[in-house]
C-alpha atoms as a PDB file:
ATOM      1  CA  UNK A   1      45.462 -79.301 -29.336  1.00  0.00           C
ATOM      2  CA  UNK A   2      43.190 -76.855 -28.314  1.00  0.00           C
ATOM      3  CA  UNK A   3      43.601 -78.091 -25.076  1.00  0.00           C
ATOM      4  CA  UNK A   4      47.363 -77.710 -24.775  1.00  0.00           C
ATOM      5  CA  UNK A   5      46.605 -73.814 -26.162  1.00  0.00           C
ATOM      6  CA  UNK A   6      44.150 -73.312 -22.967  1.00  0.00           C
ATOM      7  CA  UNK A   7      46.774 -75.013 -20.942  1.00  0.00           C
ATOM      8  CA  UNK A   8      49.806 -72.597 -21.360  1.00  0.00           C
ATOM      9  CA  UNK A   9      47.632 -69.365 -21.702  1.00  0.00           C
ATOM     10  CA  UNK A  10      46.473 -70.112 -18.302  1.00  0.00           C
ATOM     11  CA  UNK A  11      49.902 -71.267 -17.279  1.00  0.00           C
ATOM     12  CA  UNK A  12      51.339 -67.784 -18.520  1.00  0.00           C
ATOM     13  CA  UNK A  13      48.552 -65.680 -17.255  1.00  0.00           C
ATOM     14  CA  UNK A  14      49.694 -66.738 -13.519  1.00  0.00           C
ATOM     15  CA  UNK A  15      51.695 -63.671 -11.756  1.00  0.00           C
ATOM     16  CA  UNK A  16      53.498 -64.516  -8.606  1.00  0.00           C
ATOM     17  CA  UNK A  17      52.662 -62.305  -6.273  1.00  0.00           C
ATOM     18  CA  UNK A  18      54.518 -60.489  -3.325  1.00  0.00           C
ATOM     19  CA  UNK A  19      53.791 -61.278   0.125  1.00  0.00           C
ATOM     20  CA  UNK A  20      51.216 -58.708   2.115  1.00  0.00           C
ATOM     21  CA  UNK A  21      54.258 -57.909   4.685  1.00  0.00           C
ATOM     22  CA  UNK A  22      56.283 -56.679   1.482  1.00  0.00           C
ATOM     23  CA  UNK A  23      53.305 -54.814   0.080  1.00  0.00           C
ATOM     24  CA  UNK A  24      53.006 -53.378   3.875  1.00  0.00           C
ATOM     25  CA  UNK A  25      56.346 -52.196   3.806  1.00  0.00           C
ATOM     26  CA  UNK A  26      56.461 -50.473   0.316  1.00  0.00           C
ATOM     27  CA  UNK A  27      53.064 -48.424   1.504  1.00  0.00           C
ATOM     28  CA  UNK A  28      54.880 -47.461   4.624  1.00  0.00           C
ATOM     29  CA  UNK A  29      57.963 -46.338   2.685  1.00  0.00           C
ATOM     30  CA  UNK A  30      55.826 -44.568  -0.261  1.00  0.00           C
ATOM     31  CA  UNK A  31      53.812 -42.258   2.463  1.00  0.00           C
ATOM     32  CA  UNK A  32      57.350 -41.350   4.255  1.00  0.00           C
ATOM     33  CA  UNK A  33      58.895 -41.066   0.504  1.00  0.00           C
ATOM     34  CA  UNK A  34      55.411 -38.692  -0.112  1.00  0.00           C
ATOM     35  CA  UNK A  35      56.477 -36.027   2.701  1.00  0.00           C
ATOM     36  CA  UNK A  36      59.982 -36.232   1.189  1.00  0.00           C
ATOM     37  CA  UNK A  37      58.413 -35.212  -1.782  1.00  0.00           C
ATOM     38  CA  UNK A  38      60.001 -38.092  -3.393  1.00  0.00           C
ATOM     39  CA  UNK A  39      58.178 -40.134  -6.423  1.00  0.00           C
ATOM     40  CA  UNK A  40      56.841 -43.247  -5.068  1.00  0.00           C
ATOM     41  CA  UNK A  41      57.786 -46.975  -5.257  1.00  0.00           C
ATOM     42  CA  UNK A  42      55.670 -48.409  -8.194  1.00  0.00           C
ATOM     43  CA  UNK A  43      55.114 -52.822  -8.074  1.00  0.00           C
ATOM     44  CA  UNK A  44      54.779 -54.037 -11.974  1.00  0.00           C
ATOM     45  CA  UNK A  45      54.124 -56.965 -12.945  1.00  0.00           C
ATOM     46  CA  UNK A  46      57.738 -58.049 -14.940  1.00  0.00           C
ATOM     47  CA  UNK A  47      58.723 -61.238 -17.065  1.00  0.00           C
ATOM     48  CA  UNK A  48      61.588 -62.761 -15.418  1.00  0.00           C
ATOM     49  CA  UNK A  49      64.923 -62.738 -17.375  1.00  0.00           C
ATOM     50  CA  UNK A  50      66.325 -66.299 -16.312  1.00  0.00           C
ATOM     51  CA  UNK A  51      62.925 -68.125 -16.530  1.00  0.00           C
ATOM     52  CA  UNK A  52      60.544 -66.184 -18.343  1.00  0.00           C
ATOM     53  CA  UNK A  53      57.841 -66.261 -15.692  1.00  0.00           C
ATOM     54  CA  UNK A  54      55.457 -63.209 -14.705  1.00  0.00           C
ATOM     55  CA  UNK A  55      55.613 -61.933 -11.082  1.00  0.00           C
ATOM     56  CA  UNK A  56      55.533 -58.670  -8.840  1.00  0.00           C
ATOM     57  CA  UNK A  57      58.149 -56.571  -8.295  1.00  0.00           C
ATOM     58  CA  UNK A  58      59.067 -53.201  -7.083  1.00  0.00           C
ATOM     59  CA  UNK A  59      62.685 -53.436  -8.831  1.00  0.00           C
ATOM     60  CA  UNK A  60      64.142 -56.886  -9.209  1.00  0.00           C
ATOM     61  CA  UNK A  61      64.393 -58.423 -12.903  1.00  0.00           C
ATOM     62  CA  UNK A  62      64.059 -62.280 -11.323  1.00  0.00           C
ATOM     63  CA  UNK A  63      61.792 -63.798 -10.145  1.00  0.00           C
ATOM     64  CA  UNK A  64      64.008 -65.611  -7.220  1.00  0.00           C
ATOM     65  CA  UNK A  65      64.061 -68.557  -9.398  1.00  0.00           C
ATOM     66  CA  UNK A  66      67.657 -68.652  -9.638  1.00  0.00           C
ATOM     67  CA  UNK A  67      68.743 -66.763  -6.504  1.00  0.00           C
ATOM     68  CA  UNK A  68      72.597 -69.195  -6.635  1.00  0.00           C
ATOM     69  CA  UNK A  69      73.664 -66.912  -9.722  1.00  0.00           C
ATOM     70  CA  UNK A  70      71.709 -63.364  -8.649  1.00  0.00           C
ATOM     71  CA  UNK A  71      73.875 -60.977  -6.412  1.00  0.00           C
ATOM     72  CA  UNK A  72      72.639 -57.385  -4.524  1.00  0.00           C
ATOM     73  CA  UNK A  73      75.481 -54.745  -4.386  1.00  0.00           C
ATOM     74  CA  UNK A  74      73.908 -51.960  -2.876  1.00  0.00           C
ATOM     75  CA  UNK A  75      70.682 -52.603  -3.099  1.00  0.00           C
ATOM     76  CA  UNK A  76      70.530 -53.510  -6.364  1.00  0.00           C
ATOM     77  CA  UNK A  77      70.250 -56.743  -8.260  1.00  0.00           C
ATOM     78  CA  UNK A  78      73.503 -57.746 -10.410  1.00  0.00           C
ATOM     79  CA  UNK A  79      72.659 -61.210 -12.539  1.00  0.00           C
END
Protein backbone atom coordinates (compact mmCIF):
# COMPACT_ATOMS: atom_id res chain seq x y z
CA UNK A 1 0.00 0.00 0.00
CA UNK A 2 2.79 2.44 0.87
CA UNK A 3 4.63 1.36 -2.28
CA UNK A 4 1.59 2.21 -4.42
CA UNK A 5 1.33 5.70 -2.87
CA UNK A 6 5.01 6.49 -3.48
CA UNK A 7 4.84 5.12 -7.04
CA UNK A 8 1.77 7.21 -7.77
CA UNK A 9 3.46 10.26 -6.21
CA UNK A 10 6.56 9.80 -8.36
CA UNK A 11 4.47 9.51 -11.52
CA UNK A 12 2.56 12.69 -10.73
CA UNK A 13 5.85 14.58 -10.28
CA UNK A 14 6.99 13.80 -13.83
CA UNK A 15 6.69 16.82 -16.10
CA UNK A 16 6.89 16.60 -19.88
CA UNK A 17 9.56 19.14 -20.83
CA UNK A 18 9.63 21.32 -23.93
CA UNK A 19 12.39 20.50 -26.43
CA UNK A 20 15.47 22.78 -26.25
CA UNK A 21 14.76 24.14 -29.75
CA UNK A 22 11.31 25.36 -28.65
CA UNK A 23 12.76 27.01 -25.54
CA UNK A 24 15.42 28.74 -27.66
CA UNK A 25 12.70 29.97 -30.07
CA UNK A 26 10.69 31.38 -27.16
CA UNK A 27 13.82 33.13 -25.83
CA UNK A 28 14.39 34.76 -29.23
CA UNK A 29 10.74 35.84 -29.42
CA UNK A 30 10.97 37.26 -25.89
CA UNK A 31 14.01 39.31 -26.90
CA UNK A 32 12.05 40.78 -29.80
CA UNK A 33 9.03 41.38 -27.56
CA UNK A 34 11.24 43.22 -25.04
CA UNK A 35 12.47 45.51 -27.81
CA UNK A 36 8.84 46.16 -28.80
CA UNK A 37 7.94 46.84 -25.14
CA UNK A 38 5.56 43.84 -24.96
CA UNK A 39 5.14 41.34 -22.14
CA UNK A 40 7.27 38.19 -22.42
CA UNK A 41 6.00 34.71 -23.25
CA UNK A 42 6.07 32.63 -20.07
CA UNK A 43 6.54 28.87 -19.90
CA UNK A 44 4.26 27.35 -17.26
CA UNK A 45 3.79 23.86 -15.90
CA UNK A 46 0.17 22.94 -16.61
CA UNK A 47 -2.03 19.91 -16.16
CA UNK A 48 -3.43 18.42 -19.36
CA UNK A 49 -7.22 18.79 -19.47
CA UNK A 50 -7.46 15.55 -21.42
CA UNK A 51 -5.22 13.04 -19.61
CA UNK A 52 -4.19 14.92 -16.44
CA UNK A 53 -0.42 14.71 -17.05
CA UNK A 54 1.84 17.62 -16.09
CA UNK A 55 3.67 19.34 -18.94
CA UNK A 56 5.51 22.57 -19.78
CA UNK A 57 3.50 24.90 -21.96
CA UNK A 58 3.61 28.36 -23.45
CA UNK A 59 -0.15 28.40 -24.02
CA UNK A 60 -1.54 24.97 -24.92
CA UNK A 61 -3.92 23.22 -22.55
CA UNK A 62 -3.20 19.66 -23.70
CA UNK A 63 0.11 17.81 -23.70
CA UNK A 64 -0.38 16.34 -27.18
CA UNK A 65 -2.00 13.12 -26.02
CA UNK A 66 -5.11 13.77 -28.13
CA UNK A 67 -3.71 15.34 -31.29
CA UNK A 68 -6.53 13.82 -33.38
CA UNK A 69 -9.25 15.79 -31.63
CA UNK A 70 -7.30 19.02 -31.10
CA UNK A 71 -7.37 21.73 -33.73
CA UNK A 72 -5.89 25.18 -34.06
CA UNK A 73 -7.54 28.36 -35.25
CA UNK A 74 -5.35 31.47 -35.56
CA UNK A 75 -2.66 29.83 -33.44
CA UNK A 76 -5.03 29.00 -30.56
CA UNK A 77 -5.80 25.48 -29.43
CA UNK A 78 -9.43 24.42 -29.99
CA UNK A 79 -10.64 21.28 -28.24
